[in-house]
Amino acid sequence: MVRVNWTFQAKDDLKSIAEYISRDSKRYAKLQVLRIRNKTSLLKSQTHLGKIVSEIDRENIRELIEGRYRIIYKIVSRNQIDILTIHHTARDLTRRNIK
């Protein structure tokens, strides 16, 4: 089983998303966070589930889409995935420093 680690940036992104959505609906904010977390749990058994991030074009940097969010992750090894950031699809990803 692959270990899925959340970076500080990804945790902070998820918290910011929840805070922003909760201004209108606390229920929907919780639901969106749950959907994102559930999507990332799929990586435990399917590391290559996501597609390569076109802006970065590296085999080990991939993304899953959940609603309006891009879940950017890095395949570190056979046994480890790092969730790097959660990014709204309407925003420019090239402004983020993803490694």
C-alpha atoms as a PDB file:
ATOM      1  CA  MET A   1       0.000   0.000   0.000  1.00  0.00           C
ATOM      2  CA  VAL A   2       1.295   3.433  -0.945  1.00  0.00           C
ATOM      3  CA  ARG A   3       1.656   6.113   1.712  1.00  0.00           C
ATOM      4  CA  VAL A   4      -0.018   9.423   0.812  1.00  0.00           C
ATOM      5  CA  ASN A   5       1.600  12.432   2.513  1.00  0.00           C
ATOM      6  CA  TRP A   6       0.094  15.899   2.551  1.00  0.00           C
ATOM      7  CA  THR A   7       2.645  18.715   2.319  1.00  0.00           C
ATOM      8  CA  PHE A   8       2.225  21.826   4.440  1.00  0.00           C
ATOM      9  CA  GLN A   9       1.212  23.719   1.293  1.00  0.00           C
ATOM     10  CA  ALA A  10      -1.498  21.198   0.405  1.00  0.00           C
ATOM     11  CA  LYS A  11      -2.885  21.205   3.956  1.00  0.00           C
ATOM     12  CA  ASP A  12      -2.923  25.001   3.922  1.00  0.00           C
ATOM     13  CA  ASP A  13      -4.646  25.029   0.523  1.00  0.00           C
ATOM     14  CA  LEU A  14      -7.347  22.653   1.760  1.00  0.00           C
ATOM     15  CA  LYS A  15      -7.908  24.758   4.863  1.00  0.00           C
ATOM     16  CA  SER A  16      -8.192  27.931   2.750  1.00  0.00           C
ATOM     17  CA  ILE A  17     -10.671  26.252   0.402  1.00  0.00           C
ATOM     18  CA  ALA A  18     -12.812  25.150   3.341  1.00  0.00           C
ATOM     19  CA  GLU A  19     -12.739  28.617   4.897  1.00  0.00           C
ATOM     20  CA  TYR A  20     -13.665  30.298   1.624  1.00  0.00           C
ATOM     21  CA  ILE A  21     -16.569  27.958   0.842  1.00  0.00           C
ATOM     22  CA  SER A  22     -17.839  28.049   4.428  1.00  0.00           C
ATOM     23  CA  ARG A  23     -18.599  31.763   4.050  1.00  0.00           C
ATOM     24  CA  ASP A  24     -21.593  30.638   2.014  1.00  0.00           C
ATOM     25  CA  SER A  25     -22.151  27.090   3.246  1.00  0.00           C
ATOM     26  CA  LYS A  26     -20.419  25.185   6.027  1.00  0.00           C
ATOM     27  CA  ARG A  27     -22.105  22.013   4.843  1.00  0.00           C
ATOM     28  CA  TYR A  28     -20.786  22.370   1.297  1.00  0.00           C
ATOM     29  CA  ALA A  29     -17.316  23.271   2.604  1.00  0.00           C
ATOM     30  CA  LYS A  30     -17.184  20.010   4.575  1.00  0.00           C
ATOM     31  CA  LEU A  31     -18.480  18.092   1.579  1.00  0.00           C
ATOM     32  CA  GLN A  32     -15.842  19.572  -0.752  1.00  0.00           C
ATOM     33  CA  VAL A  33     -13.032  18.743   1.685  1.00  0.00           C
ATOM     34  CA  LEU A  34     -14.374  15.187   2.003  1.00  0.00           C
ATOM     35  CA  ARG A  35     -14.511  14.789  -1.785  1.00  0.00           C
ATOM     36  CA  ILE A  36     -10.918  15.993  -2.166  1.00  0.00           C
ATOM     37  CA  ARG A  37      -9.695  13.679   0.597  1.00  0.00           C
ATOM     38  CA  ASN A  38     -11.605  10.723  -0.875  1.00  0.00           C
ATOM     39  CA  LYS A  39     -10.119  11.395  -4.305  1.00  0.00           C
ATOM     40  CA  THR A  40      -6.578  11.422  -2.904  1.00  0.00           C
ATOM     41  CA  SER A  41      -7.190   8.134  -1.089  1.00  0.00           C
ATOM     42  CA  LEU A  42      -7.558   6.472  -4.507  1.00  0.00           C
ATOM     43  CA  LEU A  43      -3.828   7.068  -4.989  1.00  0.00           C
ATOM     44  CA  LYS A  44      -3.033   4.441  -2.359  1.00  0.00           C
ATOM     45  CA  SER A  45      -3.821   1.751  -4.911  1.00  0.00           C
ATOM     46  CA  GLN A  46      -3.530   3.652  -8.227  1.00  0.00           C
ATOM     47  CA  THR A  47      -0.500   5.942  -8.172  1.00  0.00           C
ATOM     48  CA  HIS A  48      -0.681   6.762 -11.889  1.00  0.00           C
ATOM     49  CA  LEU A  49      -4.416   7.500 -11.828  1.00  0.00           C
ATOM     50  CA  GLY A  50      -3.888  11.196 -12.539  1.00  0.00           C
ATOM     51  CA  LYS A  51      -2.627  12.740 -15.739  1.00  0.00           C
ATOM     52  CA  ILE A  52       0.711  14.494 -16.156  1.00  0.00           C
ATOM     53  CA  VAL A  53       0.457  18.208 -15.341  1.00  0.00           C
ATOM     54  CA  SER A  54       0.940  19.917 -18.716  1.00  0.00           C
ATOM     55  CA  GLU A  55       2.449  23.089 -17.224  1.00  0.00           C
ATOM     56  CA  ILE A  56       5.199  21.060 -15.546  1.00  0.00           C
ATOM     57  CA  ASP A  57       5.539  18.120 -17.979  1.00  0.00           C
ATOM     58  CA  ARG A  58       7.263  15.687 -15.628  1.00  0.00           C
ATOM     59  CA  GLU A  59       6.237  12.038 -15.432  1.00  0.00           C
ATOM     60  CA  ASN A  60       6.161  12.029 -11.634  1.00  0.00           C
ATOM     61  CA  ILE A  61       4.085  15.228 -11.191  1.00  0.00           C
ATOM     62  CA  ARG A  62       0.424  14.435 -11.815  1.00  0.00           C
ATOM     63  CA  GLU A  63      -3.028  15.758 -11.110  1.00  0.00           C
ATOM     64  CA  LEU A  64      -6.487  14.590 -10.241  1.00  0.00           C
ATOM     65  CA  ILE A  65      -9.515  16.787 -10.791  1.00  0.00           C
ATOM     66  CA  GLU A  66     -12.205  17.050  -8.144  1.00  0.00           C
ATOM     67  CA  GLY A  67     -14.920  19.543  -8.940  1.00  0.00           C
ATOM     68  CA  ARG A  68     -13.175  22.822  -9.693  1.00  0.00           C
ATOM     69  CA  TYR A  69      -9.930  21.820  -8.029  1.00  0.00           C
ATOM     70  CA  ARG A  70      -6.711  20.343  -9.331  1.00  0.00           C
ATOM     71  CA  ILE A  71      -5.040  18.032  -6.840  1.00  0.00           C
ATOM     72  CA  ILE A  72      -1.360  18.167  -7.785  1.00  0.00           C
ATOM     73  CA  TYR A  73       0.748  15.298  -6.491  1.00  0.00           C
ATOM     74  CA  LYS A  74       4.226  13.861  -6.852  1.00  0.00           C
ATOM     75  CA  ILE A  75       5.114  10.199  -7.133  1.00  0.00           C
ATOM     76  CA  VAL A  76       8.139  10.096  -4.824  1.00  0.00           C
ATOM     77  CA  SER A  77       8.669   6.325  -4.941  1.00  0.00           C
ATOM     78  CA  ARG A  78       6.749   3.071  -5.348  1.00  0.00           C
ATOM     79  CA  ASN A  79       5.645   3.493  -1.754  1.00  0.00           C
ATOM     80  CA  GLN A  80       5.097   7.237  -1.400  1.00  0.00           C
ATOM     81  CA  ILE A  81       2.926   9.967  -2.915  1.00  0.00           C
ATOM     82  CA  ASP A  82       3.126  13.614  -1.810  1.00  0.00           C
ATOM     83  CA  ILE A  83       0.099  15.850  -2.279  1.00  0.00           C
ATOM     84  CA  LEU A  84       1.778  19.115  -3.296  1.00  0.00           C
ATOM     85  CA  THR A  85      -1.067  21.581  -3.705  1.00  0.00           C
ATOM     86  CA  ILE A  86      -4.798  21.935  -4.277  1.00  0.00           C
ATOM     87  CA  HIS A  87      -5.386  24.528  -6.965  1.00  0.00           C
ATOM     88  CA  HIS A  88      -8.586  26.073  -8.350  1.00  0.00           C
ATOM     89  CA  THR A  89      -8.955  25.360 -12.072  1.00  0.00           C
ATOM     90  CA  ALA A  90      -9.675  29.033 -12.850  1.00  0.00           C
ATOM     91  CA  ARG A  91      -6.282  30.153 -11.534  1.00  0.00           C
ATOM     92  CA  ASP A  92      -2.956  30.163 -13.323  1.00  0.00           C
ATOM     93  CA  LEU A  93      -0.829  27.250 -12.107  1.00  0.00           C
ATOM     94  CA  THR A  94       2.377  28.636 -13.635  1.00  0.00           C
ATOM     95  CA  ARG A  95       2.549  31.232 -10.846  1.00  0.00           C
ATOM     96  CA  ARG A  96       2.986  28.476  -8.248  1.00  0.00           C
ATOM     97  CA  ASN A  97       6.399  27.082  -7.452  1.00  0.00           C
ATOM     98  CA  ILE A  98       5.830  23.333  -7.735  1.00  0.00           C
ATOM     99  CA  LYS A  99       8.789  20.977  -7.543  1.00  0.00           C
END
